Amino acid sequence: MLDSLRSVVRFRRFEFDATPGYLSKQVVPTHYGLRLDLDPDKDTFDGAADITLRVRQPVLAIELHAFQLSATSARLVTAGVARAL
């Protein structure tokens, strides 16, 4: 029983390249750091996200999901050098 369960788990393992979606498979998120400022009395929130990416090959743009979110600032940090976007 345990062996058959292990084979099912192995079969269903997440594979980034095989997962459907609209974002590029050439830019892979490897870590998310989130800070959220939540107030139960408000319908909105503030926060920050630090996303570490691995770029598999050069791309013209980096796209992120942000449905119903508004960014007040963004920056790209490469080799310790920050660039405002």
N, C-alpha and C. Protein backbone atom coordinates (compact mmCIF):
# COMPACT_ATOMS: atom_id res chain seq x y z
N MET A 1 0.82 -1.20 0.00
CA MET A 1 0.00 0.00 0.00
C MET A 1 0.86 1.26 0.00
N LEU A 2 1.87 1.30 0.85
CA LEU A 2 2.74 2.46 0.94
C LEU A 2 3.50 2.69 -0.35
N ASP A 3 3.95 1.61 -0.99
CA ASP A 3 4.67 1.75 -2.27
C ASP A 3 3.77 2.33 -3.34
N SER A 4 2.50 1.91 -3.40
CA SER A 4 1.60 2.45 -4.42
C SER A 4 1.29 3.92 -4.13
N LEU A 5 1.21 4.31 -2.87
CA LEU A 5 0.99 5.70 -2.51
C LEU A 5 2.19 6.55 -2.93
N ARG A 6 3.39 6.04 -2.72
CA ARG A 6 4.60 6.77 -3.13
C ARG A 6 4.65 6.98 -4.63
N SER A 7 4.22 5.99 -5.41
CA SER A 7 4.24 6.15 -6.87
C SER A 7 3.23 7.20 -7.31
N VAL A 8 2.07 7.28 -6.65
CA VAL A 8 1.08 8.32 -6.97
C VAL A 8 1.63 9.69 -6.64
N VAL A 9 2.26 9.83 -5.48
CA VAL A 9 2.84 11.10 -5.08
C VAL A 9 3.93 11.50 -6.06
N ARG A 10 4.76 10.56 -6.47
CA ARG A 10 5.82 10.85 -7.44
C ARG A 10 5.22 11.30 -8.77
N PHE A 11 4.14 10.68 -9.18
CA PHE A 11 3.51 10.99 -10.45
C PHE A 11 2.92 12.41 -10.44
N ARG A 12 2.38 12.86 -9.31
CA ARG A 12 1.72 14.15 -9.23
C ARG A 12 2.64 15.28 -8.81
N ARG A 13 3.92 15.06 -8.78
CA ARG A 13 4.86 16.10 -8.37
C ARG A 13 4.74 17.32 -9.26
N PHE A 14 4.82 18.49 -8.68
CA PHE A 14 4.71 19.75 -9.40
C PHE A 14 5.88 19.91 -10.36
N GLU A 15 5.57 20.24 -11.60
CA GLU A 15 6.59 20.52 -12.61
C GLU A 15 6.29 21.88 -13.21
N PHE A 16 7.15 22.85 -12.94
CA PHE A 16 6.94 24.23 -13.37
C PHE A 16 6.72 24.33 -14.88
N ASP A 17 7.55 23.67 -15.66
CA ASP A 17 7.45 23.76 -17.12
C ASP A 17 6.16 23.18 -17.68
N ALA A 18 5.57 22.22 -16.99
CA ALA A 18 4.35 21.57 -17.48
C ALA A 18 3.08 22.24 -16.96
N THR A 19 3.22 23.17 -16.04
CA THR A 19 2.05 23.83 -15.46
C THR A 19 1.52 24.88 -16.42
N PRO A 20 0.22 24.85 -16.73
CA PRO A 20 -0.32 25.84 -17.65
C PRO A 20 -0.32 27.23 -17.01
N GLY A 21 -0.29 28.24 -17.85
CA GLY A 21 -0.33 29.61 -17.36
C GLY A 21 0.09 30.57 -18.45
N TYR A 22 -0.06 31.84 -18.17
CA TYR A 22 0.22 32.87 -19.16
C TYR A 22 1.61 33.48 -19.01
N LEU A 23 2.24 33.30 -17.87
CA LEU A 23 3.54 33.92 -17.65
C LEU A 23 4.65 33.09 -18.30
N SER A 24 5.74 33.78 -18.61
CA SER A 24 6.89 33.15 -19.25
C SER A 24 7.47 32.03 -18.39
N LYS A 25 7.89 31.00 -19.01
CA LYS A 25 8.59 29.92 -18.30
C LYS A 25 10.09 30.20 -18.22
N GLN A 26 10.52 31.32 -18.79
CA GLN A 26 11.94 31.68 -18.77
C GLN A 26 12.33 32.47 -17.53
N VAL A 27 11.33 32.98 -16.81
CA VAL A 27 11.56 33.71 -15.56
C VAL A 27 10.88 32.91 -14.45
N VAL A 28 11.67 32.33 -13.56
CA VAL A 28 11.16 31.40 -12.56
C VAL A 28 11.30 32.01 -11.17
N PRO A 29 10.19 32.21 -10.45
CA PRO A 29 10.30 32.68 -9.07
C PRO A 29 10.87 31.56 -8.19
N THR A 30 11.85 31.91 -7.36
CA THR A 30 12.47 30.91 -6.49
C THR A 30 12.22 31.20 -5.01
N HIS A 31 11.80 32.42 -4.68
CA HIS A 31 11.53 32.77 -3.28
C HIS A 31 10.62 33.99 -3.23
N TYR A 32 9.67 33.95 -2.29
CA TYR A 32 8.79 35.09 -2.04
C TYR A 32 8.95 35.53 -0.59
N GLY A 33 9.13 36.83 -0.37
CA GLY A 33 9.10 37.41 0.97
C GLY A 33 7.99 38.44 0.99
N LEU A 34 7.00 38.26 1.87
CA LEU A 34 5.84 39.15 1.91
C LEU A 34 5.75 39.84 3.26
N ARG A 35 5.39 41.14 3.22
CA ARG A 35 5.07 41.89 4.43
C ARG A 35 3.72 42.52 4.18
N LEU A 36 2.74 42.20 4.99
CA LEU A 36 1.38 42.71 4.82
C LEU A 36 0.97 43.52 6.05
N ASP A 37 0.39 44.68 5.80
CA ASP A 37 -0.14 45.53 6.86
C ASP A 37 -1.66 45.47 6.74
N LEU A 38 -2.28 44.63 7.56
CA LEU A 38 -3.71 44.37 7.46
C LEU A 38 -4.46 45.07 8.59
N ASP A 39 -5.60 45.65 8.23
CA ASP A 39 -6.50 46.26 9.21
C ASP A 39 -7.89 45.68 8.95
N PRO A 40 -8.42 44.89 9.87
CA PRO A 40 -9.72 44.25 9.65
C PRO A 40 -10.86 45.25 9.40
N ASP A 41 -10.68 46.51 9.79
CA ASP A 41 -11.72 47.51 9.59
C ASP A 41 -11.68 48.13 8.20
N LYS A 42 -10.69 47.78 7.40
CA LYS A 42 -10.55 48.35 6.06
C LYS A 42 -10.70 47.27 5.00
N ASP A 43 -11.15 47.67 3.81
CA ASP A 43 -11.27 46.76 2.68
C ASP A 43 -9.98 46.69 1.86
N THR A 44 -8.98 47.46 2.26
CA THR A 44 -7.70 47.50 1.53
C THR A 44 -6.57 47.11 2.48
N PHE A 45 -5.39 46.94 1.92
CA PHE A 45 -4.21 46.63 2.73
C PHE A 45 -2.99 47.23 2.06
N ASP A 46 -1.93 47.36 2.81
CA ASP A 46 -0.63 47.77 2.30
C ASP A 46 0.34 46.63 2.51
N GLY A 47 1.44 46.68 1.80
CA GLY A 47 2.44 45.65 2.00
C GLY A 47 3.59 45.77 1.03
N ALA A 48 4.46 44.82 1.10
CA ALA A 48 5.62 44.77 0.21
C ALA A 48 5.91 43.32 -0.13
N ALA A 49 6.45 43.11 -1.31
CA ALA A 49 6.84 41.77 -1.75
C ALA A 49 8.25 41.81 -2.30
N ASP A 50 9.07 40.91 -1.82
CA ASP A 50 10.41 40.70 -2.39
C ASP A 50 10.37 39.35 -3.08
N ILE A 51 10.64 39.35 -4.38
CA ILE A 51 10.56 38.12 -5.17
C ILE A 51 11.92 37.86 -5.79
N THR A 52 12.49 36.71 -5.48
CA THR A 52 13.75 36.30 -6.09
C THR A 52 13.43 35.50 -7.33
N LEU A 53 14.08 35.85 -8.45
CA LEU A 53 13.81 35.21 -9.73
C LEU A 53 15.06 34.56 -10.27
N ARG A 54 14.86 33.50 -11.02
CA ARG A 54 15.94 32.91 -11.82
C ARG A 54 15.54 33.12 -13.27
N VAL A 55 16.38 33.82 -14.02
CA VAL A 55 16.10 34.07 -15.43
C VAL A 55 16.87 33.03 -16.23
N ARG A 56 16.14 32.16 -16.91
CA ARG A 56 16.75 31.05 -17.64
C ARG A 56 17.45 31.51 -18.92
N GLN A 57 16.89 32.52 -19.56
CA GLN A 57 17.51 33.08 -20.76
C GLN A 57 17.05 34.53 -20.85
N PRO A 58 17.77 35.37 -21.57
CA PRO A 58 17.40 36.79 -21.65
C PRO A 58 15.96 36.97 -22.15
N VAL A 59 15.25 37.91 -21.51
CA VAL A 59 13.87 38.21 -21.88
C VAL A 59 13.72 39.73 -22.02
N LEU A 60 12.71 40.15 -22.79
CA LEU A 60 12.47 41.58 -22.98
C LEU A 60 11.71 42.19 -21.81
N ALA A 61 10.96 41.38 -21.08
CA ALA A 61 10.15 41.88 -19.97
C ALA A 61 9.97 40.80 -18.92
N ILE A 62 9.71 41.25 -17.69
CA ILE A 62 9.37 40.36 -16.60
C ILE A 62 7.95 40.70 -16.19
N GLU A 63 7.05 39.72 -16.27
CA GLU A 63 5.65 39.94 -15.94
C GLU A 63 5.33 39.27 -14.61
N LEU A 64 4.47 39.93 -13.83
CA LEU A 64 4.04 39.40 -12.55
C LEU A 64 2.52 39.42 -12.49
N HIS A 65 1.95 38.47 -11.78
CA HIS A 65 0.51 38.51 -11.51
C HIS A 65 0.24 39.60 -10.48
N ALA A 66 -0.72 40.47 -10.75
CA ALA A 66 -1.06 41.53 -9.81
C ALA A 66 -2.53 41.90 -9.95
N PHE A 67 -3.39 40.92 -10.07
CA PHE A 67 -4.82 41.16 -10.25
C PHE A 67 -5.37 41.96 -9.08
N GLN A 68 -5.96 43.09 -9.37
CA GLN A 68 -6.56 44.01 -8.41
C GLN A 68 -5.55 44.53 -7.38
N LEU A 69 -4.28 44.60 -7.74
CA LEU A 69 -3.25 45.19 -6.89
C LEU A 69 -2.65 46.39 -7.60
N SER A 70 -2.24 47.38 -6.83
CA SER A 70 -1.58 48.56 -7.38
C SER A 70 -0.21 48.69 -6.74
N ALA A 71 0.80 48.83 -7.55
CA ALA A 71 2.16 49.01 -7.04
C ALA A 71 2.47 50.50 -6.97
N THR A 72 3.04 50.91 -5.85
CA THR A 72 3.44 52.31 -5.71
C THR A 72 4.90 52.49 -6.11
N SER A 73 5.66 51.41 -6.10
CA SER A 73 7.05 51.47 -6.56
C SER A 73 7.52 50.06 -6.87
N ALA A 74 8.58 50.00 -7.65
CA ALA A 74 9.19 48.70 -7.98
C ALA A 74 10.66 48.96 -8.29
N ARG A 75 11.47 47.96 -8.01
CA ARG A 75 12.89 48.06 -8.37
C ARG A 75 13.42 46.69 -8.70
N LEU A 76 14.41 46.67 -9.54
CA LEU A 76 15.09 45.45 -9.95
C LEU A 76 16.49 45.49 -9.37
N VAL A 77 16.86 44.45 -8.65
CA VAL A 77 18.19 44.37 -8.05
C VAL A 77 18.95 43.26 -8.73
N THR A 78 20.06 43.59 -9.36
CA THR A 78 20.90 42.62 -10.04
C THR A 78 22.34 42.79 -9.55
N ALA A 79 22.91 41.72 -9.05
CA ALA A 79 24.29 41.74 -8.54
C ALA A 79 24.49 42.86 -7.53
N GLY A 80 23.47 43.08 -6.66
CA GLY A 80 23.57 44.07 -5.61
C GLY A 80 23.31 45.50 -6.03
N VAL A 81 23.04 45.73 -7.31
CA VAL A 81 22.78 47.08 -7.82
C VAL A 81 21.28 47.22 -8.08
N ALA A 82 20.65 48.23 -7.43
CA ALA A 82 19.22 48.44 -7.57
C ALA A 82 18.93 49.45 -8.67
N ARG A 83 17.85 49.18 -9.41
CA ARG A 83 17.40 50.09 -10.47
C ARG A 83 15.91 50.28 -10.32
N ALA A 84 15.46 51.54 -10.19
CA ALA A 84 14.02 51.82 -10.07
C ALA A 84 13.34 51.50 -11.39
N LEU A 85 12.12 50.99 -11.29
CA LEU A 85 11.32 50.68 -12.49
C LEU A 85 10.12 51.58 -12.54
